[in-house]
Amino acid sequence: MTSYDKVYKAFSKRINDLKLLDLNDQEIIEYTHELMESAIPKFMMCKSDLFDRDDELGHFNVDLLPIEIEILALLMTSEWLAPQIETTEI
């Protein structure tokens, strides 16, 4: 089993978002979970079943490979970045 926390940590290494400092721990977990849920369907060639998970316990029911964790974190970064780009004025 791979905990969501492992994925969240891989994601958090990739971003620098001062707005997250205003959130409490539970709000950060909810926010990163939403990003992960948006990223999972985009990981089409994953060998592990990313839909085999337990949200209540906060883990995937399979052992994700390190590369799968990294790809999922990159996809989460893409999900985080999209609204940042959309709100940027030229």
N, C-alpha and C. Protein backbone atom coordinates (compact mmCIF):
# COMPACT_ATOMS: atom_id res chain seq x y z
N MET A 1 0.83 -1.18 0.00
CA MET A 1 0.00 0.00 0.00
C MET A 1 0.88 1.25 0.00
N THR A 2 0.43 2.23 -0.72
CA THR A 2 1.13 3.52 -0.75
C THR A 2 0.22 4.58 -0.16
N SER A 3 0.72 5.29 0.82
CA SER A 3 -0.09 6.33 1.46
C SER A 3 -0.19 7.55 0.55
N TYR A 4 -1.31 8.24 0.65
CA TYR A 4 -1.49 9.48 -0.09
C TYR A 4 -0.40 10.48 0.32
N ASP A 5 0.00 10.43 1.57
CA ASP A 5 0.98 11.37 2.08
C ASP A 5 2.28 11.32 1.27
N LYS A 6 2.66 10.14 0.81
CA LYS A 6 3.85 10.00 -0.01
C LYS A 6 3.71 10.78 -1.32
N VAL A 7 2.53 10.69 -1.90
CA VAL A 7 2.26 11.41 -3.14
C VAL A 7 2.19 12.91 -2.87
N TYR A 8 1.52 13.29 -1.78
CA TYR A 8 1.39 14.70 -1.44
C TYR A 8 2.77 15.33 -1.21
N LYS A 9 3.67 14.61 -0.57
CA LYS A 9 5.01 15.14 -0.32
C LYS A 9 5.78 15.32 -1.62
N ALA A 10 5.65 14.36 -2.53
CA ALA A 10 6.32 14.48 -3.83
C ALA A 10 5.78 15.69 -4.58
N PHE A 11 4.49 15.94 -4.47
CA PHE A 11 3.87 17.11 -5.10
C PHE A 11 4.37 18.41 -4.46
N SER A 12 4.37 18.45 -3.14
CA SER A 12 4.70 19.70 -2.43
C SER A 12 6.14 20.14 -2.69
N LYS A 13 7.02 19.22 -3.07
CA LYS A 13 8.40 19.58 -3.39
C LYS A 13 8.48 20.39 -4.68
N ARG A 14 7.45 20.31 -5.50
CA ARG A 14 7.47 20.91 -6.82
C ARG A 14 6.86 22.31 -6.89
N ILE A 15 6.17 22.71 -5.84
CA ILE A 15 5.49 24.00 -5.91
C ILE A 15 5.95 24.93 -4.80
N ASN A 16 5.69 26.20 -5.01
CA ASN A 16 5.97 27.22 -4.00
C ASN A 16 4.73 28.11 -3.99
N ASP A 17 3.81 27.82 -3.10
CA ASP A 17 2.54 28.53 -3.06
C ASP A 17 2.33 29.13 -1.68
N LEU A 18 2.55 30.43 -1.58
CA LEU A 18 2.40 31.11 -0.29
C LEU A 18 0.96 31.10 0.22
N LYS A 19 0.00 30.96 -0.70
CA LYS A 19 -1.40 30.92 -0.29
C LYS A 19 -1.70 29.69 0.58
N LEU A 20 -0.93 28.64 0.40
CA LEU A 20 -1.14 27.43 1.20
C LEU A 20 -0.79 27.66 2.67
N LEU A 21 0.04 28.66 2.93
CA LEU A 21 0.41 28.96 4.31
C LEU A 21 -0.78 29.46 5.13
N ASP A 22 -1.78 29.98 4.43
CA ASP A 22 -2.99 30.48 5.11
C ASP A 22 -3.97 29.37 5.47
N LEU A 23 -3.71 28.16 4.96
CA LEU A 23 -4.62 27.05 5.21
C LEU A 23 -4.15 26.22 6.40
N ASN A 24 -5.11 25.61 7.10
CA ASN A 24 -4.72 24.70 8.18
C ASN A 24 -4.39 23.34 7.56
N ASP A 25 -3.88 22.43 8.36
CA ASP A 25 -3.43 21.12 7.86
C ASP A 25 -4.55 20.36 7.14
N GLN A 26 -5.75 20.37 7.70
CA GLN A 26 -6.86 19.65 7.09
C GLN A 26 -7.23 20.25 5.73
N GLU A 27 -7.21 21.56 5.63
CA GLU A 27 -7.52 22.22 4.36
C GLU A 27 -6.46 21.92 3.30
N ILE A 28 -5.22 21.83 3.71
CA ILE A 28 -4.14 21.48 2.77
C ILE A 28 -4.33 20.06 2.26
N ILE A 29 -4.67 19.14 3.16
CA ILE A 29 -4.91 17.75 2.76
C ILE A 29 -6.08 17.68 1.78
N GLU A 30 -7.15 18.39 2.07
CA GLU A 30 -8.32 18.38 1.18
C GLU A 30 -7.96 18.95 -0.19
N TYR A 31 -7.19 20.03 -0.20
CA TYR A 31 -6.79 20.66 -1.45
C TYR A 31 -5.91 19.74 -2.28
N THR A 32 -4.90 19.14 -1.65
CA THR A 32 -4.01 18.25 -2.40
C THR A 32 -4.75 16.99 -2.85
N HIS A 33 -5.71 16.55 -2.05
CA HIS A 33 -6.50 15.38 -2.45
C HIS A 33 -7.32 15.69 -3.70
N GLU A 34 -7.90 16.88 -3.75
CA GLU A 34 -8.65 17.28 -4.95
C GLU A 34 -7.74 17.32 -6.18
N LEU A 35 -6.54 17.82 -6.01
CA LEU A 35 -5.59 17.84 -7.13
C LEU A 35 -5.24 16.42 -7.57
N MET A 36 -5.05 15.53 -6.60
CA MET A 36 -4.73 14.15 -6.92
C MET A 36 -5.88 13.47 -7.66
N GLU A 37 -7.10 13.71 -7.19
CA GLU A 37 -8.26 13.13 -7.86
C GLU A 37 -8.40 13.63 -9.30
N SER A 38 -8.03 14.87 -9.54
CA SER A 38 -8.06 15.40 -10.90
C SER A 38 -6.94 14.84 -11.76
N ALA A 39 -5.81 14.53 -11.14
CA ALA A 39 -4.65 14.04 -11.87
C ALA A 39 -4.77 12.55 -12.23
N ILE A 40 -5.39 11.77 -11.39
CA ILE A 40 -5.45 10.32 -11.59
C ILE A 40 -6.00 9.92 -12.95
N PRO A 41 -7.12 10.46 -13.41
CA PRO A 41 -7.62 10.03 -14.72
C PRO A 41 -6.69 10.39 -15.89
N LYS A 42 -5.80 11.33 -15.68
CA LYS A 42 -4.87 11.74 -16.74
C LYS A 42 -3.66 10.81 -16.83
N PHE A 43 -3.48 9.96 -15.84
CA PHE A 43 -2.36 9.00 -15.82
C PHE A 43 -2.86 7.71 -16.48
N MET A 44 -2.98 7.75 -17.80
CA MET A 44 -3.63 6.68 -18.55
C MET A 44 -2.80 5.40 -18.66
N MET A 45 -1.51 5.50 -18.68
CA MET A 45 -0.67 4.32 -18.90
C MET A 45 -0.07 3.76 -17.61
N CYS A 46 -0.67 4.09 -16.49
CA CYS A 46 -0.14 3.60 -15.21
C CYS A 46 -0.36 2.10 -15.09
N LYS A 47 0.68 1.38 -14.71
CA LYS A 47 0.56 -0.07 -14.55
C LYS A 47 -0.23 -0.43 -13.29
N SER A 48 -0.19 0.43 -12.29
CA SER A 48 -0.95 0.19 -11.05
C SER A 48 -2.36 0.76 -11.22
N ASP A 49 -3.29 0.17 -10.51
CA ASP A 49 -4.67 0.64 -10.55
C ASP A 49 -4.83 1.77 -9.54
N LEU A 50 -4.82 3.00 -10.04
CA LEU A 50 -4.91 4.17 -9.16
C LEU A 50 -6.32 4.36 -8.60
N PHE A 51 -7.27 3.63 -9.15
CA PHE A 51 -8.64 3.73 -8.64
C PHE A 51 -8.88 2.74 -7.50
N ASP A 52 -7.92 1.87 -7.26
CA ASP A 52 -8.00 0.92 -6.14
C ASP A 52 -7.39 1.61 -4.93
N ARG A 53 -8.23 2.35 -4.21
CA ARG A 53 -7.72 3.14 -3.10
C ARG A 53 -8.78 3.25 -2.01
N ASP A 54 -8.33 3.69 -0.85
CA ASP A 54 -9.21 3.87 0.30
C ASP A 54 -9.05 5.30 0.80
N ASP A 55 -10.02 6.15 0.44
CA ASP A 55 -9.94 7.56 0.82
C ASP A 55 -10.04 7.75 2.33
N GLU A 56 -10.79 6.91 2.99
CA GLU A 56 -10.93 7.05 4.45
C GLU A 56 -9.62 6.78 5.18
N LEU A 57 -8.88 5.79 4.71
CA LEU A 57 -7.60 5.47 5.33
C LEU A 57 -6.45 6.25 4.70
N GLY A 58 -6.71 6.88 3.54
CA GLY A 58 -5.70 7.72 2.91
C GLY A 58 -4.58 6.96 2.25
N HIS A 59 -4.92 5.89 1.53
CA HIS A 59 -3.87 5.16 0.83
C HIS A 59 -4.42 4.45 -0.40
N PHE A 60 -3.49 4.16 -1.31
CA PHE A 60 -3.79 3.29 -2.44
C PHE A 60 -3.68 1.86 -1.92
N ASN A 61 -4.51 0.98 -2.42
CA ASN A 61 -4.49 -0.42 -1.98
C ASN A 61 -3.42 -1.22 -2.70
N VAL A 62 -2.59 -0.55 -3.47
CA VAL A 62 -1.49 -1.17 -4.19
C VAL A 62 -0.21 -0.41 -3.85
N ASP A 63 0.91 -1.04 -4.11
CA ASP A 63 2.20 -0.37 -3.92
C ASP A 63 2.57 0.33 -5.23
N LEU A 64 2.58 1.65 -5.20
CA LEU A 64 2.97 2.40 -6.38
C LEU A 64 4.49 2.37 -6.51
N LEU A 65 4.94 2.26 -7.75
CA LEU A 65 6.37 2.35 -8.01
C LEU A 65 6.82 3.79 -7.80
N PRO A 66 8.08 4.01 -7.45
CA PRO A 66 8.56 5.39 -7.29
C PRO A 66 8.29 6.26 -8.52
N ILE A 67 8.46 5.71 -9.70
CA ILE A 67 8.20 6.49 -10.92
C ILE A 67 6.72 6.85 -11.04
N GLU A 68 5.83 5.97 -10.59
CA GLU A 68 4.40 6.26 -10.63
C GLU A 68 4.05 7.40 -9.66
N ILE A 69 4.69 7.41 -8.52
CA ILE A 69 4.48 8.49 -7.55
C ILE A 69 4.95 9.80 -8.15
N GLU A 70 6.11 9.78 -8.80
CA GLU A 70 6.66 11.00 -9.40
C GLU A 70 5.78 11.50 -10.54
N ILE A 71 5.29 10.61 -11.38
CA ILE A 71 4.42 11.03 -12.48
C ILE A 71 3.12 11.59 -11.94
N LEU A 72 2.57 10.95 -10.94
CA LEU A 72 1.33 11.44 -10.34
C LEU A 72 1.55 12.83 -9.73
N ALA A 73 2.69 13.03 -9.07
CA ALA A 73 3.01 14.35 -8.50
C ALA A 73 3.16 15.40 -9.60
N LEU A 74 3.75 15.03 -10.73
CA LEU A 74 3.87 15.96 -11.86
C LEU A 74 2.50 16.32 -12.43
N LEU A 75 1.63 15.33 -12.52
CA LEU A 75 0.27 15.59 -13.00
C LEU A 75 -0.49 16.48 -12.03
N MET A 76 -0.27 16.29 -10.75
CA MET A 76 -0.89 17.16 -9.74
C MET A 76 -0.35 18.59 -9.89
N THR A 77 0.93 18.71 -10.18
CA THR A 77 1.53 20.03 -10.39
C THR A 77 0.88 20.71 -11.59
N SER A 78 0.63 19.95 -12.61
CA SER A 78 -0.06 20.48 -13.80
C SER A 78 -1.46 20.96 -13.43
N GLU A 79 -2.16 20.20 -12.61
CA GLU A 79 -3.50 20.59 -12.16
C GLU A 79 -3.44 21.86 -11.31
N TRP A 80 -2.41 21.97 -10.48
CA TRP A 80 -2.23 23.16 -9.65
C TRP A 80 -1.88 24.37 -10.51
N LEU A 81 -1.07 24.15 -11.54
CA LEU A 81 -0.57 25.24 -12.36
C LEU A 81 -1.63 25.82 -13.30
N ALA A 82 -2.55 25.02 -13.77
CA ALA A 82 -3.55 25.48 -14.75
C ALA A 82 -4.28 26.75 -14.30
N PRO A 83 -4.87 26.78 -13.10
CA PRO A 83 -5.56 28.02 -12.70
C PRO A 83 -4.59 29.19 -12.48
N GLN A 84 -3.34 28.89 -12.14
CA GLN A 84 -2.35 29.95 -11.95
C GLN A 84 -2.11 30.66 -13.29
N ILE A 85 -2.04 29.89 -14.35
CA ILE A 85 -1.81 30.45 -15.68
C ILE A 85 -3.04 31.21 -16.17
N GLU A 86 -4.21 30.65 -15.91
CA GLU A 86 -5.45 31.29 -16.37
C GLU A 86 -5.68 32.64 -15.72
N THR A 87 -5.19 32.84 -14.51
CA THR A 87 -5.44 34.11 -13.80
C THR A 87 -4.32 35.12 -14.01
N THR A 88 -3.27 34.74 -14.71
CA THR A 88 -2.16 35.65 -14.98
C THR A 88 -2.56 36.64 -16.06
N GLU A 89 -2.36 37.90 -15.75
CA GLU A 89 -2.65 38.94 -16.74
C GLU A 89 -1.43 39.22 -17.58
N ILE A 90 -1.66 39.51 -18.84
CA ILE A 90 -0.54 39.82 -19.76
C ILE A 90 -0.43 41.32 -19.89
